[in-house]
Amino acid sequence: MNNDEFEARMRALEYYHNLKLLPGTWTVLRVDGRGFSRFTEERFDKPFDARFSDSMVTTARVLLEDFQGLYAYTESDEISVLFPPSWTLFDRELEKLVSLSAATASATFSLACDERATFDSRVWLGVTERDVVDYFRWRQADAGRCALNGWAYWTLRQEGATRAEATGTLHGQSVAFKNELLFARGVNFNEVPAWQRRGVGLYWETYEKNGFNPVTRQPVTATRRRVRVDRDLPMKDEYTTFIRNLLRRTEREEVRT
């Protein structure tokens, strides 16, 4: 067997190498921390720790910038990064996108918090604008549920309840029950910081930067882009409007280019 035939036979066994994302679809890369329940319990304050959130935001920013995304959203130990239908990074090869996004998240978070951590990655595809809106409404609803459960659970644990006791107390209970449990202990869940209840969004914004033209020796103004970190996201219908505006702005910019 010559070298070309041998190479071809080996390449043919790379079953997912040529699998690509469907063209013309909105894409979300979602990375999730592996084993983060124990990881965070041993290293961070509960139910929420600003240091952990900052590390997740740093990781989300790097993913947004390096993978040329439109919007990044992080809650708990997960990050979702949105890409428009025209996105062609790595020729939309699935294997490369999930492996590199997981690797980038793992390396960035580990450096940010000075602890070794790993993430996995998956892909979500949406055909319509409504699909994308529904996806981020879904993830924000999950953030609210996780926040309420976390506050209730760790409030009981800090009172001395065991894991089994705290879990048993909350099992099958309603949202109202958990809110009342917290309120009776001096915590109004509606006044908990918005980033804990709604997650954190990162997106591009333009701004004017003053400069100086050395040739004409005149002051000039240039338009630049930067990532905005939004820790006070809207919710429900207002969040729907927020996401739709991001999508439509992207579509307008693509038409102009």
Protein backbone atom coordinates (compact mmCIF):
# COMPACT_ATOMS: atom_id res chain seq x y z
CA MET A 1 0.00 0.00 0.00
CA ASN A 2 1.42 3.37 -0.97
CA ASN A 3 1.37 6.39 1.31
CA ASP A 4 -1.56 8.08 -0.43
CA GLU A 5 -3.75 5.00 -0.12
CA PHE A 6 -2.76 4.55 3.52
CA GLU A 7 -3.54 8.20 4.28
CA ALA A 8 -6.92 7.95 2.57
CA ARG A 9 -7.87 4.81 4.48
CA MET A 10 -7.01 6.38 7.83
CA ARG A 11 -8.82 9.62 6.99
CA ALA A 12 -11.93 7.68 6.04
CA LEU A 13 -12.19 6.44 9.64
CA GLU A 14 -12.49 9.99 11.01
CA TYR A 15 -16.26 9.61 11.00
CA TYR A 16 -17.27 13.07 12.23
CA HIS A 17 -14.49 15.04 10.62
CA ASN A 18 -16.62 16.39 7.76
CA LEU A 19 -19.84 16.95 9.72
CA LYS A 20 -20.85 20.60 9.37
CA LEU A 21 -23.55 22.81 10.85
CA LEU A 22 -26.61 23.24 8.65
CA PRO A 23 -26.21 26.31 6.44
CA GLY A 24 -28.40 29.31 7.05
CA THR A 25 -29.16 28.50 10.69
CA TRP A 26 -28.64 30.45 13.87
CA THR A 27 -26.06 28.64 15.99
CA VAL A 28 -25.47 28.52 19.74
CA LEU A 29 -22.38 26.95 21.26
CA ARG A 30 -23.14 26.09 24.87
CA VAL A 31 -20.37 25.11 27.26
CA ASP A 32 -21.07 23.61 30.69
CA GLY A 33 -18.77 23.07 33.63
CA ARG A 34 -17.97 19.42 34.36
CA GLY A 35 -18.48 18.36 37.98
CA PHE A 36 -19.02 21.97 39.06
CA SER A 37 -21.40 21.20 41.94
CA ARG A 38 -18.58 19.80 44.03
CA PHE A 39 -15.98 22.09 42.45
CA THR A 40 -17.82 25.26 43.49
CA GLU A 41 -18.89 23.96 46.91
CA GLU A 42 -15.26 23.39 47.86
CA ARG A 43 -13.95 26.73 46.56
CA PHE A 44 -16.66 29.42 46.52
CA ASP A 45 -19.29 30.95 48.78
CA LYS A 46 -22.87 29.72 48.45
CA PRO A 47 -25.41 30.29 47.09
CA PHE A 48 -23.55 32.79 44.90
CA ASP A 49 -20.01 34.10 44.78
CA ALA A 50 -19.08 37.18 42.77
CA ARG A 51 -15.61 35.73 42.19
CA PHE A 52 -17.10 32.71 40.43
CA SER A 53 -19.40 34.91 38.36
CA ASP A 54 -16.48 37.11 37.35
CA SER A 55 -14.54 34.05 36.15
CA MET A 56 -17.54 32.90 34.11
CA VAL A 57 -17.94 36.38 32.60
CA THR A 58 -14.25 36.45 31.68
CA THR A 59 -14.66 33.06 29.99
CA ALA A 60 -17.79 34.22 28.15
CA ARG A 61 -15.96 37.32 26.89
CA VAL A 62 -13.09 35.26 25.47
CA LEU A 63 -15.51 32.88 23.73
CA LEU A 64 -17.49 35.81 22.30
CA GLU A 65 -14.35 37.51 20.99
CA ASP A 66 -12.34 34.49 19.82
CA PHE A 67 -15.24 32.78 18.07
CA GLN A 68 -16.65 36.02 16.62
CA GLY A 69 -20.03 35.73 18.28
CA LEU A 70 -23.00 38.07 18.45
CA TYR A 71 -24.18 37.54 22.03
CA ALA A 72 -23.02 35.56 25.05
CA TYR A 73 -25.16 34.65 28.03
CA THR A 74 -23.95 33.03 31.23
CA GLU A 75 -25.84 31.65 34.21
CA SER A 76 -24.72 29.15 36.84
CA ASP A 77 -21.88 27.11 35.29
CA GLU A 78 -22.92 27.45 31.65
CA ILE A 79 -22.27 29.86 28.80
CA SER A 80 -24.27 30.17 25.56
CA VAL A 81 -22.73 32.02 22.62
CA LEU A 82 -24.91 32.99 19.65
CA PHE A 83 -23.75 33.20 16.02
CA PRO A 84 -25.69 34.51 13.00
CA PRO A 85 -26.62 32.35 9.97
CA SER A 86 -23.76 33.90 7.97
CA TRP A 87 -21.13 32.73 10.49
CA THR A 88 -18.47 30.58 8.77
CA LEU A 89 -15.67 30.19 11.31
CA PHE A 90 -13.74 26.93 10.75
CA ASP A 91 -16.05 26.33 7.80
CA ARG A 92 -18.77 25.46 10.38
CA GLU A 93 -17.12 22.11 11.14
CA LEU A 94 -18.92 20.65 14.16
CA GLU A 95 -16.01 18.60 15.49
CA LYS A 96 -13.66 21.56 15.52
CA LEU A 97 -16.20 24.00 16.98
CA VAL A 98 -17.21 21.88 19.97
CA SER A 99 -13.67 20.75 20.75
CA LEU A 100 -12.13 24.22 20.53
CA SER A 101 -14.94 25.96 22.44
CA ALA A 102 -14.67 23.43 25.28
CA ALA A 103 -10.89 23.76 25.31
CA THR A 104 -11.02 27.56 25.25
CA ALA A 105 -13.54 27.68 28.10
CA SER A 106 -11.55 25.20 30.20
CA ALA A 107 -8.26 27.05 29.76
CA THR A 108 -9.73 30.53 30.27
CA PHE A 109 -11.72 29.66 33.38
CA SER A 110 -8.81 27.76 34.91
CA LEU A 111 -6.53 30.75 34.47
CA ALA A 112 -9.19 33.18 35.71
CA CYS A 113 -9.81 31.38 39.00
CA ASP A 114 -6.37 29.74 39.36
CA GLU A 115 -7.94 26.28 39.61
CA ARG A 116 -8.06 23.46 37.06
CA ALA A 117 -11.55 23.09 35.61
CA THR A 118 -13.04 21.48 32.52
CA PHE A 119 -16.03 22.23 30.30
CA ASP A 120 -17.91 20.26 27.68
CA SER A 121 -19.60 21.77 24.65
CA ARG A 122 -22.66 21.18 22.49
CA VAL A 123 -24.39 22.86 19.56
CA TRP A 124 -27.94 24.16 19.29
CA LEU A 125 -29.38 25.18 15.90
CA GLY A 126 -32.33 27.49 15.29
CA VAL A 127 -34.04 28.21 12.00
CA THR A 128 -36.09 31.29 12.87
CA GLU A 129 -35.78 34.41 14.98
CA ARG A 130 -38.43 32.97 17.29
CA ASP A 131 -36.27 29.87 17.85
CA VAL A 132 -33.43 32.07 19.08
CA VAL A 133 -35.70 34.13 21.33
CA ASP A 134 -37.19 30.97 22.80
CA TYR A 135 -33.73 29.52 23.44
CA PHE A 136 -32.56 32.48 25.50
CA ARG A 137 -35.90 32.79 27.27
CA TRP A 138 -35.49 29.11 28.18
CA ARG A 139 -31.98 29.61 29.57
CA GLN A 140 -33.02 32.70 31.54
CA ALA A 141 -35.97 30.82 33.02
CA ASP A 142 -33.51 28.13 34.07
CA ALA A 143 -31.38 30.81 35.73
CA GLY A 144 -34.36 31.97 37.78
CA ARG A 145 -35.25 28.43 38.88
CA CYS A 146 -31.67 27.61 39.79
CA ALA A 147 -31.26 30.85 41.73
CA LEU A 148 -34.40 30.33 43.79
CA ASN A 149 -33.56 26.69 44.48
CA GLY A 150 -29.98 27.59 45.36
CA TRP A 151 -30.97 30.34 47.75
CA ALA A 152 -33.53 28.13 49.49
CA TYR A 153 -31.23 25.10 49.69
CA TRP A 154 -28.17 26.93 50.98
CA THR A 155 -30.21 28.97 53.44
CA LEU A 156 -31.34 25.70 55.01
CA ARG A 157 -27.83 24.26 54.90
CA GLN A 158 -26.40 27.33 56.64
CA GLU A 159 -28.96 26.83 59.40
CA GLY A 160 -27.49 23.39 60.00
CA ALA A 161 -29.63 21.15 57.80
CA THR A 162 -27.89 18.21 56.15
CA ARG A 163 -27.94 17.73 52.39
CA ALA A 164 -30.69 15.13 52.72
CA GLU A 165 -32.76 17.31 55.07
CA ALA A 166 -32.50 20.42 52.88
CA THR A 167 -33.30 18.42 49.75
CA GLY A 168 -36.23 16.72 51.45
CA THR A 169 -37.68 20.01 52.69
CA LEU A 170 -37.66 21.49 49.19
CA HIS A 171 -38.61 18.41 47.18
CA GLY A 172 -41.79 19.00 45.21
CA GLN A 173 -42.40 22.39 46.75
CA SER A 174 -43.78 25.36 44.82
CA VAL A 175 -42.12 28.62 43.91
CA ALA A 176 -44.35 30.34 46.46
CA PHE A 177 -43.20 27.98 49.22
CA LYS A 178 -39.53 28.69 48.49
CA ASN A 179 -40.12 32.43 48.35
CA GLU A 180 -41.95 32.30 51.70
CA LEU A 181 -39.17 30.18 53.20
CA LEU A 182 -36.64 32.85 52.26
CA PHE A 183 -38.86 35.77 53.26
CA ALA A 184 -39.36 34.29 56.73
CA ARG A 185 -35.57 34.40 57.08
CA GLY A 186 -35.17 37.98 55.93
CA VAL A 187 -34.45 37.35 52.24
CA ASN A 188 -36.69 38.95 49.61
CA PHE A 189 -35.84 36.97 46.50
CA ASN A 190 -37.02 39.79 44.24
CA GLU A 191 -34.30 41.98 45.75
CA VAL A 192 -31.50 39.48 45.17
CA PRO A 193 -29.01 40.97 42.63
CA ALA A 194 -30.34 40.70 39.08
CA TRP A 195 -27.27 38.84 37.80
CA GLN A 196 -28.08 35.98 40.16
CA ARG A 197 -31.74 35.72 39.08
CA ARG A 198 -31.44 36.56 35.38
CA GLY A 199 -27.87 35.75 34.35
CA VAL A 200 -25.34 38.02 32.65
CA GLY A 201 -25.31 39.07 29.00
CA LEU A 202 -22.34 40.18 26.89
CA TYR A 203 -22.73 41.90 23.54
CA TRP A 204 -21.02 44.35 21.23
CA GLU A 205 -21.60 48.08 21.39
CA THR A 206 -20.11 50.94 19.40
CA TYR A 207 -18.57 54.04 20.91
CA GLU A 208 -16.79 57.14 19.75
CA LYS A 209 -13.07 57.42 20.45
CA ASN A 210 -11.27 60.74 20.21
CA GLY A 211 -7.90 60.76 18.48
CA PHE A 212 -5.42 62.93 16.62
CA ASN A 213 -4.42 62.84 12.95
CA PRO A 214 -0.66 63.50 12.80
CA VAL A 215 -0.83 64.33 9.08
CA THR A 216 -3.54 66.99 9.21
CA ARG A 217 -2.76 67.80 12.84
CA GLN A 218 -6.47 67.83 13.54
CA PRO A 219 -8.53 66.01 16.18
CA VAL A 220 -10.54 63.11 14.79
CA THR A 221 -13.27 60.84 16.06
CA ALA A 222 -13.34 57.15 15.23
CA THR A 223 -16.06 54.56 15.82
CA ARG A 224 -14.90 51.49 17.72
CA ARG A 225 -16.49 48.31 19.05
CA ARG A 226 -16.23 46.88 22.54
CA VAL A 227 -17.90 44.19 24.61
CA ARG A 228 -20.50 45.37 27.08
CA VAL A 229 -21.15 43.26 30.17
CA ASP A 230 -24.80 43.59 31.23
CA ARG A 231 -25.54 42.41 34.78
CA ASP A 232 -29.04 43.87 34.81
CA LEU A 233 -30.75 42.11 31.92
CA PRO A 234 -34.47 42.57 31.37
CA MET A 235 -36.76 39.57 31.78
CA LYS A 236 -39.83 37.97 30.19
CA ASP A 237 -41.34 40.11 27.39
CA GLU A 238 -38.72 42.82 27.76
CA TYR A 239 -36.01 40.19 27.33
CA THR A 240 -37.77 38.99 24.18
CA THR A 241 -37.59 42.53 22.79
CA PHE A 242 -33.94 42.81 23.81
CA ILE A 243 -32.97 39.61 21.95
CA ARG A 244 -35.03 40.51 18.89
CA ASN A 245 -33.32 43.88 18.66
CA LEU A 246 -29.91 42.18 18.74
CA LEU A 247 -30.91 39.83 15.92
CA ARG A 248 -32.42 42.53 13.75
CA ARG A 249 -29.44 44.81 14.23
CA THR A 250 -27.23 41.98 13.00
CA GLU A 251 -29.43 41.42 9.97
CA ARG A 252 -29.32 45.14 9.10
CA GLU A 253 -25.53 45.21 9.40
CA GLU A 254 -25.20 42.15 7.15
CA VAL A 255 -27.39 43.79 4.49
CA ARG A 256 -25.17 46.88 4.53
CA THR A 257 -22.03 44.78 4.08
